[in-house]
Structure formats: structure tokens, C-alpha cells
Amino acid sequence: MKNKKLIYSMHALKRSSQRSIKHSVLDLIFNEADKKVRKREGVEAIYISKRKIEQLIASNSYKKDLIEKSKNIFLLVQNNILITVVRSKNAFYRRESKFTISA
């Protein structure tokens, strides 16, 4: 457990409230995330992989229901500031973009 400090933007607070995601889940994901996908100019989508979730459950370092709630939730973070929260069933934020748009 790394225990980094997460700073919430107003947008992130609003979205987490709308999506019924508790701050304890957001802190868990932020501190234990093992996967990162760069999105744009310093913004990263971070999440906990299935393998890491299994390890956390086995280690009993967090409550099991809290770990289960962290599945399929992605945080968009820039310099320890939480920009927004995404609950995804299709793992959109995990994938790299296939195409680049050039002007």
C-alpha cells in the first residue's frame, strides 16, 4: 500500500457522486493501481488489473467488498489530481487508440 494523496477536482466529485462510487474505492484504486494508459498531455487512465485484485483479496489488506467495488472503474488522473471517474463494462479506457487523427 503506497498511500499517495489524491486531490479531487469538482468534476470528479460530481461524477463519483452520480456514479455512486465512494471515496474509499477511489483511494484504493489510486493507491493500488498497477495499470496505466496515457490518454493526453499528462493525463493517465489508471485501474487495478484482475490479477492485482485477486492478490489484494488473498492478502486481506482491504475489505473484500471494497476490492470488488473497484472492478471496472477507471480514474483519469493528472499530477495526483483526479479529473474524472469512469465505470466501464467494455474496458474502453484500457485500450490504446487504434488510429491517430492528423490535420
PDB file of N, CA and C in Angstrom:
ATOM      1  N   MET A   1       0.840  -1.175   0.000  1.00  0.00           N
ATOM      2  CA  MET A   1       0.000   0.000   0.000  1.00  0.00           C
ATOM      3  C   MET A   1       0.887   1.241   0.000  1.00  0.00           C
ATOM      4  N   LYS A   2       0.740   2.085  -0.992  1.00  0.00           N
ATOM      5  CA  LYS A   2       1.612   3.228  -1.180  1.00  0.00           C
ATOM      6  C   LYS A   2       1.152   4.456  -0.410  1.00  0.00           C
ATOM      7  N   ASN A   3      -0.157   4.650  -0.265  1.00  0.00           N
ATOM      8  CA  ASN A   3      -0.750   5.753   0.475  1.00  0.00           C
ATOM      9  C   ASN A   3      -0.397   7.122  -0.091  1.00  0.00           C
ATOM     10  N   LYS A   4      -0.565   7.301  -1.386  1.00  0.00           N
ATOM     11  CA  LYS A   4      -0.369   8.588  -2.023  1.00  0.00           C
ATOM     12  C   LYS A   4      -1.610   9.442  -1.770  1.00  0.00           C
ATOM     13  N   LYS A   5      -1.450  10.754  -1.816  1.00  0.00           N
ATOM     14  CA  LYS A   5      -2.552  11.683  -1.572  1.00  0.00           C
ATOM     15  C   LYS A   5      -3.225  12.028  -2.893  1.00  0.00           C
ATOM     16  N   LEU A   6      -4.538  11.806  -2.964  1.00  0.00           N
ATOM     17  CA  LEU A   6      -5.323  12.094  -4.152  1.00  0.00           C
ATOM     18  C   LEU A   6      -6.098  13.385  -3.936  1.00  0.00           C
ATOM     19  N   ILE A   7      -6.032  14.291  -4.895  1.00  0.00           N
ATOM     20  CA  ILE A   7      -6.750  15.561  -4.839  1.00  0.00           C
ATOM     21  C   ILE A   7      -7.926  15.464  -5.802  1.00  0.00           C
ATOM     22  N   TYR A   8      -9.123  15.766  -5.310  1.00  0.00           N
ATOM     23  CA  TYR A   8     -10.342  15.633  -6.110  1.00  0.00           C
ATOM     24  C   TYR A   8     -10.701  16.960  -6.776  1.00  0.00           C
ATOM     25  N   SER A   9     -10.957  16.930  -8.080  1.00  0.00           N
ATOM     26  CA  SER A   9     -11.486  18.111  -8.762  1.00  0.00           C
ATOM     27  C   SER A   9     -12.993  18.156  -8.521  1.00  0.00           C
ATOM     28  N   MET A  10     -13.609  19.310  -8.751  1.00  0.00           N
ATOM     29  CA  MET A  10     -15.060  19.431  -8.576  1.00  0.00           C
ATOM     30  C   MET A  10     -15.790  18.490  -9.531  1.00  0.00           C
ATOM     31  N   HIS A  11     -15.273  18.369 -10.736  1.00  0.00           N
ATOM     32  CA  HIS A  11     -15.880  17.477 -11.733  1.00  0.00           C
ATOM     33  C   HIS A  11     -15.837  16.025 -11.243  1.00  0.00           C
ATOM     34  N   ALA A  12     -14.711  15.614 -10.679  1.00  0.00           N
ATOM     35  CA  ALA A  12     -14.572  14.245 -10.183  1.00  0.00           C
ATOM     36  C   ALA A  12     -15.524  13.979  -9.021  1.00  0.00           C
ATOM     37  N   LEU A  13     -15.682  14.952  -8.142  1.00  0.00           N
ATOM     38  CA  LEU A  13     -16.618  14.795  -7.027  1.00  0.00           C
ATOM     39  C   LEU A  13     -18.045  14.618  -7.538  1.00  0.00           C
ATOM     40  N   LYS A  14     -18.399  15.410  -8.538  1.00  0.00           N
ATOM     41  CA  LYS A  14     -19.746  15.326  -9.116  1.00  0.00           C
ATOM     42  C   LYS A  14     -19.963  13.973  -9.789  1.00  0.00           C
ATOM     43  N   ARG A  15     -19.004  13.538 -10.596  1.00  0.00           N
ATOM     44  CA  ARG A  15     -19.138  12.267 -11.321  1.00  0.00           C
ATOM     45  C   ARG A  15     -19.136  11.062 -10.377  1.00  0.00           C
ATOM     46  N   SER A  16     -18.300  11.086  -9.369  1.00  0.00           N
ATOM     47  CA  SER A  16     -18.280   9.963  -8.431  1.00  0.00           C
ATOM     48  C   SER A  16     -19.594   9.883  -7.669  1.00  0.00           C
ATOM     49  N   SER A  17     -20.170  11.017  -7.366  1.00  0.00           N
ATOM     50  CA  SER A  17     -21.472  11.037  -6.701  1.00  0.00           C
ATOM     51  C   SER A  17     -22.562  10.505  -7.630  1.00  0.00           C
ATOM     52  N   GLN A  18     -22.554  10.948  -8.880  1.00  0.00           N
ATOM     53  CA  GLN A  18     -23.546  10.491  -9.865  1.00  0.00           C
ATOM     54  C   GLN A  18     -23.438   8.991 -10.103  1.00  0.00           C
ATOM     55  N   ARG A  19     -22.227   8.462 -10.049  1.00  0.00           N
ATOM     56  CA  ARG A  19     -21.998   7.052 -10.355  1.00  0.00           C
ATOM     57  C   ARG A  19     -21.927   6.182  -9.102  1.00  0.00           C
ATOM     58  N   SER A  20     -22.253   6.761  -7.958  1.00  0.00           N
ATOM     59  CA  SER A  20     -22.296   6.047  -6.673  1.00  0.00           C
ATOM     60  C   SER A  20     -20.987   5.320  -6.361  1.00  0.00           C
ATOM     61  N   ILE A  21     -19.885   6.034  -6.550  1.00  0.00           N
ATOM     62  CA  ILE A  21     -18.569   5.480  -6.251  1.00  0.00           C
ATOM     63  C   ILE A  21     -18.020   6.218  -5.031  1.00  0.00           C
ATOM     64  N   LYS A  22     -17.763   5.484  -3.963  1.00  0.00           N
ATOM     65  CA  LYS A  22     -17.312   6.082  -2.710  1.00  0.00           C
ATOM     66  C   LYS A  22     -15.844   6.496  -2.790  1.00  0.00           C
ATOM     67  N   HIS A  23     -15.495   7.465  -1.944  1.00  0.00           N
ATOM     68  CA  HIS A  23     -14.118   7.957  -1.913  1.00  0.00           C
ATOM     69  C   HIS A  23     -13.138   6.869  -1.484  1.00  0.00           C
ATOM     70  N   SER A  24     -13.581   5.952  -0.650  1.00  0.00           N
ATOM     71  CA  SER A  24     -12.690   4.863  -0.222  1.00  0.00           C
ATOM     72  C   SER A  24     -12.303   3.977  -1.401  1.00  0.00           C
ATOM     73  N   VAL A  25     -13.230   3.786  -2.342  1.00  0.00           N
ATOM     74  CA  VAL A  25     -12.935   2.999  -3.547  1.00  0.00           C
ATOM     75  C   VAL A  25     -11.959   3.762  -4.430  1.00  0.00           C
ATOM     76  N   LEU A  26     -12.166   5.067  -4.562  1.00  0.00           N
ATOM     77  CA  LEU A  26     -11.270   5.893  -5.380  1.00  0.00           C
ATOM     78  C   LEU A  26      -9.853   5.888  -4.802  1.00  0.00           C
ATOM     79  N   ASP A  27      -9.746   6.004  -3.486  1.00  0.00           N
ATOM     80  CA  ASP A  27      -8.429   5.978  -2.846  1.00  0.00           C
ATOM     81  C   ASP A  27      -7.748   4.624  -3.030  1.00  0.00           C
ATOM     82  N   LEU A  28      -8.537   3.547  -2.918  1.00  0.00           N
ATOM     83  CA  LEU A  28      -7.984   2.204  -3.134  1.00  0.00           C
ATOM     84  C   LEU A  28      -7.423   2.078  -4.546  1.00  0.00           C
ATOM     85  N   ILE A  29      -8.183   2.491  -5.527  1.00  0.00           N
ATOM     86  CA  ILE A  29      -7.726   2.392  -6.920  1.00  0.00           C
ATOM     87  C   ILE A  29      -6.482   3.247  -7.135  1.00  0.00           C
ATOM     88  N   PHE A  30      -6.496   4.464  -6.616  1.00  0.00           N
ATOM     89  CA  PHE A  30      -5.361   5.364  -6.797  1.00  0.00           C
ATOM     90  C   PHE A  30      -4.090   4.797  -6.179  1.00  0.00           C
ATOM     91  N   ASN A  31      -4.211   4.212  -5.002  1.00  0.00           N
ATOM     92  CA  ASN A  31      -3.026   3.693  -4.301  1.00  0.00           C
ATOM     93  C   ASN A  31      -2.558   2.334  -4.797  1.00  0.00           C
ATOM     94  N   GLU A  32      -3.468   1.524  -5.321  1.00  0.00           N
ATOM     95  CA  GLU A  32      -3.111   0.160  -5.708  1.00  0.00           C
ATOM     96  C   GLU A  32      -3.099  -0.084  -7.220  1.00  0.00           C
ATOM     97  N   ALA A  33      -3.410   0.913  -8.016  1.00  0.00           N
ATOM     98  CA  ALA A  33      -3.460   0.733  -9.475  1.00  0.00           C
ATOM     99  C   ALA A  33      -2.126   0.229 -10.008  1.00  0.00           C
ATOM    100  N   ASP A  34      -2.216  -0.786 -10.861  1.00  0.00           N
ATOM    101  CA  ASP A  34      -0.999  -1.332 -11.460  1.00  0.00           C
ATOM    102  C   ASP A  34      -1.008  -1.187 -12.975  1.00  0.00           C
ATOM    103  N   LYS A  35      -2.057  -0.641 -13.517  1.00  0.00           N
ATOM    104  CA  LYS A  35      -2.150  -0.442 -14.966  1.00  0.00           C
ATOM    105  C   LYS A  35      -2.394   1.031 -15.259  1.00  0.00           C
ATOM    106  N   LYS A  36      -1.676   1.542 -16.260  1.00  0.00           N
ATOM    107  CA  LYS A  36      -1.816   2.933 -16.677  1.00  0.00           C
ATOM    108  C   LYS A  36      -1.859   2.998 -18.190  1.00  0.00           C
ATOM    109  N   VAL A  37      -2.743   3.840 -18.695  1.00  0.00           N
ATOM    110  CA  VAL A  37      -2.809   4.108 -20.130  1.00  0.00           C
ATOM    111  C   VAL A  37      -2.761   5.621 -20.291  1.00  0.00           C
ATOM    112  N   ARG A  38      -1.756   6.101 -21.001  1.00  0.00           N
ATOM    113  CA  ARG A  38      -1.653   7.549 -21.245  1.00  0.00           C
ATOM    114  C   ARG A  38      -2.736   7.973 -22.228  1.00  0.00           C
ATOM    115  N   LYS A  39      -3.453   9.029 -21.875  1.00  0.00           N
ATOM    116  CA  LYS A  39      -4.544   9.492 -22.721  1.00  0.00           C
ATOM    117  C   LYS A  39      -4.160  10.752 -23.493  1.00  0.00           C
ATOM    118  N   ARG A  40      -3.726  11.773 -22.807  1.00  0.00           N
ATOM    119  CA  ARG A  40      -3.324  13.020 -23.458  1.00  0.00           C
ATOM    120  C   ARG A  40      -2.526  13.868 -22.479  1.00  0.00           C
ATOM    121  N   GLU A  41      -1.638  14.667 -22.938  1.00  0.00           N
ATOM    122  CA  GLU A  41      -0.871  15.661 -22.194  1.00  0.00           C
ATOM    123  C   GLU A  41      -0.795  15.433 -20.682  1.00  0.00           C
ATOM    124  N   GLY A  42      -0.206  14.338 -20.274  1.00  0.00           N
ATOM    125  CA  GLY A  42      -0.004  14.076 -18.864  1.00  0.00           C
ATOM    126  C   GLY A  42      -1.170  13.411 -18.154  1.00  0.00           C
ATOM    127  N   VAL A  43      -2.275  13.192 -18.849  1.00  0.00           N
ATOM    128  CA  VAL A  43      -3.436  12.532 -18.243  1.00  0.00           C
ATOM    129  C   VAL A  43      -3.303  11.031 -18.452  1.00  0.00           C
ATOM    130  N   GLU A  44      -3.529  10.283 -17.378  1.00  0.00           N
ATOM    131  CA  GLU A  44      -3.459   8.832 -17.443  1.00  0.00           C
ATOM    132  C   GLU A  44      -4.753   8.225 -16.934  1.00  0.00           C
ATOM    133  N   ALA A  45      -5.184   7.158 -17.589  1.00  0.00           N
ATOM    134  CA  ALA A  45      -6.286   6.351 -17.083  1.00  0.00           C
ATOM    135  C   ALA A  45      -5.640   5.243 -16.269  1.00  0.00           C
ATOM    136  N   ILE A  46      -5.969   5.163 -14.981  1.00  0.00           N
ATOM    137  CA  ILE A  46      -5.379   4.140 -14.123  1.00  0.00           C
ATOM    138  C   ILE A  46      -6.472   3.216 -13.599  1.00  0.00           C
ATOM    139  N   TYR A  47      -6.105   1.958 -13.386  1.00  0.00           N
ATOM    140  CA  TYR A  47      -7.060   0.977 -12.883  1.00  0.00           C
ATOM    141  C   TYR A  47      -6.294  -0.188 -12.273  1.00  0.00           C
ATOM    142  N   ILE A  48      -7.033  -1.054 -11.592  1.00  0.00           N
ATOM    143  CA  ILE A  48      -6.443  -2.240 -10.980  1.00  0.00           C
ATOM    144  C   ILE A  48      -6.746  -3.435 -11.868  1.00  0.00           C
ATOM    145  N   SER A  49      -5.727  -4.185 -12.231  1.00  0.00           N
ATOM    146  CA  SER A  49      -5.901  -5.361 -13.090  1.00  0.00           C
ATOM    147  C   SER A  49      -6.591  -6.491 -12.323  1.00  0.00           C
ATOM    148  N   LYS A  50      -7.108  -7.445 -13.069  1.00  0.00           N
ATOM    149  CA  LYS A  50      -7.774  -8.603 -12.452  1.00  0.00           C
ATOM    150  C   LYS A  50      -6.802  -9.381 -11.570  1.00  0.00           C
ATOM    151  N   ARG A  51      -5.584  -9.532 -12.026  1.00  0.00           N
ATOM    152  CA  ARG A  51      -4.565 -10.260 -11.258  1.00  0.00           C
ATOM    153  C   ARG A  51      -4.277  -9.561  -9.932  1.00  0.00           C
ATOM    154  N   LYS A  52      -4.142  -8.250  -9.968  1.00  0.00           N
ATOM    155  CA  LYS A  52      -3.869  -7.487  -8.747  1.00  0.00           C
ATOM    156  C   LYS A  52      -5.064  -7.548  -7.795  1.00  0.00           C
ATOM    157  N   ILE A  53      -6.289  -7.535  -8.333  1.00  0.00           N
ATOM    158  CA  ILE A  53      -7.486  -7.662  -7.498  1.00  0.00           C
ATOM    159  C   ILE A  53      -7.462  -8.993  -6.754  1.00  0.00           C
ATOM    160  N   GLU A  54      -7.099 -10.064  -7.444  1.00  0.00           N
ATOM    161  CA  GLU A  54      -7.001 -11.379  -6.800  1.00  0.00           C
ATOM    162  C   GLU A  54      -5.941 -11.368  -5.702  1.00  0.00           C
ATOM    163  N   GLN A  55      -4.814 -10.705  -5.950  1.00  0.00           N
ATOM    164  CA  GLN A  55      -3.751 -10.624  -4.953  1.00  0.00           C
ATOM    165  C   GLN A  55      -4.212  -9.841  -3.721  1.00  0.00           C
ATOM    166  N   LEU A  56      -4.937  -8.753  -3.943  1.00  0.00           N
ATOM    167  CA  LEU A  56      -5.430  -7.942  -2.828  1.00  0.00           C
ATOM    168  C   LEU A  56      -6.430  -8.714  -1.976  1.00  0.00           C
ATOM    169  N   ILE A  57      -7.288  -9.489  -2.637  1.00  0.00           N
ATOM    170  CA  ILE A  57      -8.259 -10.312  -1.902  1.00  0.00           C
ATOM    171  C   ILE A  57      -7.530 -11.363  -1.071  1.00  0.00           C
ATOM    172  N   ALA A  58      -6.514 -11.987  -1.660  1.00  0.00           N
ATOM    173  CA  ALA A  58      -5.755 -13.025  -0.959  1.00  0.00           C
ATOM    174  C   ALA A  58      -4.948 -12.459   0.217  1.00  0.00           C
ATOM    175  N   SER A  59      -4.487 -11.228   0.095  1.00  0.00           N
ATOM    176  CA  SER A  59      -3.643 -10.642   1.144  1.00  0.00           C
ATOM    177  C   SER A  59      -4.443 -10.095   2.325  1.00  0.00           C
ATOM    178  N   ASN A  60      -5.751  -9.926   2.163  1.00  0.00           N
ATOM    179  CA  ASN A  60      -6.615  -9.380   3.223  1.00  0.00           C
ATOM    180  C   ASN A  60      -6.179  -8.000   3.697  1.00  0.00           C
ATOM    181  N   SER A  61      -5.566  -7.207   2.823  1.00  0.00           N
ATOM    182  CA  SER A  61      -5.138  -5.868   3.206  1.00  0.00           C
ATOM    183  C   SER A  61      -6.286  -4.861   3.158  1.00  0.00           C
ATOM    184  N   TYR A  62      -7.342  -5.182   2.428  1.00  0.00           N
ATOM    185  CA  TYR A  62      -8.551  -4.358   2.353  1.00  0.00           C
ATOM    186  C   TYR A  62      -9.760  -5.269   2.516  1.00  0.00           C
ATOM    187  N   LYS A  63     -10.896  -4.673   2.801  1.00  0.00           N
ATOM    188  CA  LYS A  63     -12.127  -5.459   2.875  1.00  0.00           C
ATOM    189  C   LYS A  63     -12.462  -5.981   1.485  1.00  0.00           C
ATOM    190  N   LYS A  64     -12.952  -7.207   1.426  1.00  0.00           N
ATOM    191  CA  LYS A  64     -13.221  -7.847   0.142  1.00  0.00           C
ATOM    192  C   LYS A  64     -14.270  -7.091  -0.663  1.00  0.00           C
ATOM    193  N   ASP A  65     -15.319  -6.584  -0.024  1.00  0.00           N
ATOM    194  CA  ASP A  65     -16.356  -5.858  -0.760  1.00  0.00           C
ATOM    195  C   ASP A  65     -15.829  -4.558  -1.356  1.00  0.00           C
ATOM    196  N   LEU A  66     -14.879  -3.915  -0.672  1.00  0.00           N
ATOM    197  CA  LEU A  66     -14.267  -2.696  -1.192  1.00  0.00           C
ATOM    198  C   LEU A  66     -13.447  -3.012  -2.443  1.00  0.00           C
ATOM    199  N   ILE A  67     -12.719  -4.125  -2.408  1.00  0.00           N
ATOM    200  CA  ILE A  67     -11.923  -4.541  -3.566  1.00  0.00           C
ATOM    201  C   ILE A  67     -12.832  -4.899  -4.737  1.00  0.00           C
ATOM    202  N   GLU A  68     -13.923  -5.608  -4.453  1.00  0.00           N
ATOM    203  CA  GLU A  68     -14.867  -5.993  -5.506  1.00  0.00           C
ATOM    204  C   GLU A  68     -15.476  -4.761  -6.183  1.00  0.00           C
ATOM    205  N   LYS A  69     -15.729  -3.722  -5.403  1.00  0.00           N
ATOM    206  CA  LYS A  69     -16.318  -2.496  -5.957  1.00  0.00           C
ATOM    207  C   LYS A  69     -15.348  -1.735  -6.855  1.00  0.00           C
ATOM    208  N   SER A  70     -14.065  -2.031  -6.735  1.00  0.00           N
ATOM    209  CA  SER A  70     -13.074  -1.316  -7.542  1.00  0.00           C
ATOM    210  C   SER A  70     -12.906  -1.904  -8.949  1.00  0.00           C
ATOM    211  N   LYS A  71     -13.596  -3.004  -9.233  1.00  0.00           N
ATOM    212  CA  LYS A  71     -13.512  -3.605 -10.565  1.00  0.00           C
ATOM    213  C   LYS A  71     -14.165  -2.699 -11.600  1.00  0.00           C
ATOM    214  N   ASN A  72     -13.552  -2.622 -12.778  1.00  0.00           N
ATOM    215  CA  ASN A  72     -14.079  -1.869 -13.924  1.00  0.00           C
ATOM    216  C   ASN A  72     -14.295  -0.390 -13.640  1.00  0.00           C
ATOM    217  N   ILE A  73     -13.505   0.169 -12.759  1.00  0.00           N
ATOM    218  CA  ILE A  73     -13.540   1.608 -12.519  1.00  0.00           C
ATOM    219  C   ILE A  73     -12.180   2.174 -12.908  1.00  0.00           C
ATOM    220  N   PHE A  74     -12.221   3.217 -13.674  1.00  0.00           N
ATOM    221  CA  PHE A  74     -11.008   3.863 -14.169  1.00  0.00           C
ATOM    222  C   PHE A  74     -10.964   5.291 -13.657  1.00  0.00           C
ATOM    223  N   LEU A  75      -9.796   5.723 -13.267  1.00  0.00           N
ATOM    224  CA  LEU A  75      -9.604   7.096 -12.831  1.00  0.00           C
ATOM    225  C   LEU A  75      -8.767   7.821 -13.863  1.00  0.00           C
ATOM    226  N   LEU A  76      -9.206   8.988 -14.270  1.00  0.00           N
ATOM    227  CA  LEU A  76      -8.385   9.837 -15.122  1.00  0.00           C
ATOM    228  C   LEU A  76      -7.685  10.826 -14.204  1.00  0.00           C
ATOM    229  N   VAL A  77      -6.352  10.713 -14.171  1.00  0.00           N
ATOM    230  CA  VAL A  77      -5.546  11.442 -13.199  1.00  0.00           C
ATOM    231  C   VAL A  77      -4.456  12.228 -13.913  1.00  0.00           C
ATOM    232  N   GLN A  78      -4.200  13.439 -13.392  1.00  0.00           N
ATOM    233  CA  GLN A  78      -3.080  14.249 -13.892  1.00  0.00           C
ATOM    234  C   GLN A  78      -2.391  14.872 -12.680  1.00  0.00           C
ATOM    235  N   ASN A  79      -1.146  14.509 -12.443  1.00  0.00           N
ATOM    236  CA  ASN A  79      -0.357  15.038 -11.317  1.00  0.00           C
ATOM    237  C   ASN A  79      -1.067  14.898  -9.974  1.00  0.00           C
ATOM    238  N   ASN A  80      -1.540  13.706  -9.660  1.00  0.00           N
ATOM    239  CA  ASN A  80      -2.251  13.389  -8.413  1.00  0.00           C
ATOM    240  C   ASN A  80      -3.586  14.117  -8.261  1.00  0.00           C
ATOM    241  N   ILE A  81      -4.092  14.713  -9.330  1.00  0.00           N
ATOM    242  CA  ILE A  81      -5.406  15.354  -9.313  1.00  0.00           C
ATOM    243  C   ILE A  81      -6.359  14.462 -10.088  1.00  0.00           C
ATOM    244  N   LEU A  82      -7.422  14.040  -9.416  1.00  0.00           N
ATOM    245  CA  LEU A  82      -8.430  13.201 -10.054  1.00  0.00           C
ATOM    246  C   LEU A  82      -9.313  14.081 -10.916  1.00  0.00           C
ATOM    247  N   ILE A  83      -9.305  13.835 -12.230  1.00  0.00           N
ATOM    248  CA  ILE A  83     -10.081  14.639 -13.162  1.00  0.00           C
ATOM    249  C   ILE A  83     -11.501  14.112 -13.264  1.00  0.00           C
ATOM    250  N   THR A  84     -11.642  12.800 -13.485  1.00  0.00           N
ATOM    251  CA  THR A  84     -12.967  12.197 -13.551  1.00  0.00           C
ATOM    252  C   THR A  84     -12.881  10.707 -13.251  1.00  0.00           C
ATOM    253  N   VAL A  85     -14.050  10.111 -13.087  1.00  0.00           N
ATOM    254  CA  VAL A  85     -14.181   8.700 -12.747  1.00  0.00           C
ATOM    255  C   VAL A  85     -15.059   8.048 -13.799  1.00  0.00           C
ATOM    256  N   VAL A  86     -14.639   6.875 -14.287  1.00  0.00           N
ATOM    257  CA  VAL A  86     -15.390   6.175 -15.333  1.00  0.00           C
ATOM    258  C   VAL A  86     -15.655   4.757 -14.859  1.00  0.00           C
ATOM    259  N   ARG A  87     -16.910   4.351 -14.961  1.00  0.00           N
ATOM    260  CA  ARG A  87     -17.265   2.953 -14.707  1.00  0.00           C
ATOM    261  C   ARG A  87     -17.473   2.339 -16.086  1.00  0.00           C
ATOM    262  N   SER A  88     -16.690   1.321 -16.415  1.00  0.00           N
ATOM    263  CA  SER A  88     -16.707   0.790 -17.769  1.00  0.00           C
ATOM    264  C   SER A  88     -16.920  -0.715 -17.773  1.00  0.00           C
ATOM    265  N   LYS A  89     -17.839  -1.165 -18.603  1.00  0.00           N
ATOM    266  CA  LYS A  89     -18.048  -2.602 -18.775  1.00  0.00           C
ATOM    267  C   LYS A  89     -17.237  -3.144 -19.937  1.00  0.00           C
ATOM    268  N   ASN A  90     -16.930  -2.297 -20.910  1.00  0.00           N
ATOM    269  CA  ASN A  90     -16.238  -2.769 -22.100  1.00  0.00           C
ATOM    270  C   ASN A  90     -14.742  -2.456 -22.090  1.00  0.00           C
ATOM    271  N   ALA A  91     -14.230  -1.956 -20.981  1.00  0.00           N
ATOM    272  CA  ALA A  91     -12.797  -1.691 -20.822  1.00  0.00           C
ATOM    273  C   ALA A  91     -12.256  -0.740 -21.893  1.00  0.00           C
ATOM    274  N   PHE A  92     -13.023   0.266 -22.245  1.00  0.00           N
ATOM    275  CA  PHE A  92     -12.623   1.237 -23.265  1.00  0.00           C
ATOM    276  C   PHE A  92     -11.329   1.952 -22.895  1.00  0.00           C
ATOM    277  N   TYR A  93     -11.171   2.336 -21.646  1.00  0.00           N
ATOM    278  CA  TYR A  93     -10.002   3.101 -21.244  1.00  0.00           C
ATOM    279  C   TYR A  93      -8.751   2.250 -21.121  1.00  0.00           C
ATOM    280  N   ARG A  94      -8.883   0.955 -21.174  1.00  0.00           N
ATOM    281  CA  ARG A  94      -7.714   0.076 -21.101  1.00  0.00           C
ATOM    282  C   ARG A  94      -6.978   0.012 -22.435  1.00  0.00           C
ATOM    283  N   ARG A  95      -7.710   0.194 -23.506  1.00  0.00           N
ATOM    284  CA  ARG A  95      -7.129   0.000 -24.834  1.00  0.00           C
ATOM    285  C   ARG A  95      -6.421   1.250 -25.334  1.00  0.00           C
ATOM    286  N   GLU A  96      -5.363   1.033 -26.053  1.00  0.00           N
ATOM    287  CA  GLU A  96      -4.703   2.128 -26.762  1.00  0.00           C
ATOM    288  C   GLU A  96      -5.544   2.476 -27.976  1.00  0.00           C
ATOM    289  N   SER A  97      -5.484   3.717 -28.409  1.00  0.00           N
ATOM    290  CA  SER A  97      -6.258   4.092 -29.586  1.00  0.00           C
ATOM    291  C   SER A  97      -5.650   3.446 -30.833  1.00  0.00           C
ATOM    292  N   LYS A  98      -6.507   2.970 -31.735  1.00  0.00           N
ATOM    293  CA  LYS A  98      -6.048   2.291 -32.948  1.00  0.00           C
ATOM    294  C   LYS A  98      -5.601   3.270 -34.017  1.00  0.00           C
ATOM    295  N   PHE A  99      -6.231   4.435 -34.036  1.00  0.00           N
ATOM    296  CA  PHE A  99      -5.944   5.396 -35.088  1.00  0.00           C
ATOM    297  C   PHE A  99      -5.529   6.725 -34.487  1.00  0.00           C
ATOM    298  N   THR A 100      -4.696   7.441 -35.227  1.00  0.00           N
ATOM    299  CA  THR A 100      -4.367   8.807 -34.815  1.00  0.00           C
ATOM    300  C   THR A 100      -4.923   9.745 -35.852  1.00  0.00           C
ATOM    301  N   ILE A 101      -5.473  10.838 -35.386  1.00  0.00           N
ATOM    302  CA  ILE A 101      -6.062  11.827 -36.287  1.00  0.00           C
ATOM    303  C   ILE A 101      -5.026  12.901 -36.543  1.00  0.00           C
ATOM    304  N   SER A 102      -4.712  13.124 -37.798  1.00  0.00           N
ATOM    305  CA  SER A 102      -3.766  14.164 -38.145  1.00  0.00           C
ATOM    306  C   SER A 102      -4.446  15.199 -39.023  1.00  0.00           C
ATOM    307  N   ALA A 103      -4.075  16.443 -38.791  1.00  0.00           N
ATOM    308  CA  ALA A 103      -4.725  17.550 -39.534  1.00  0.00           C
ATOM    309  C   ALA A 103      -4.023  17.833 -40.822  1.00  0.00           C
TER     310      ALA A 103
END
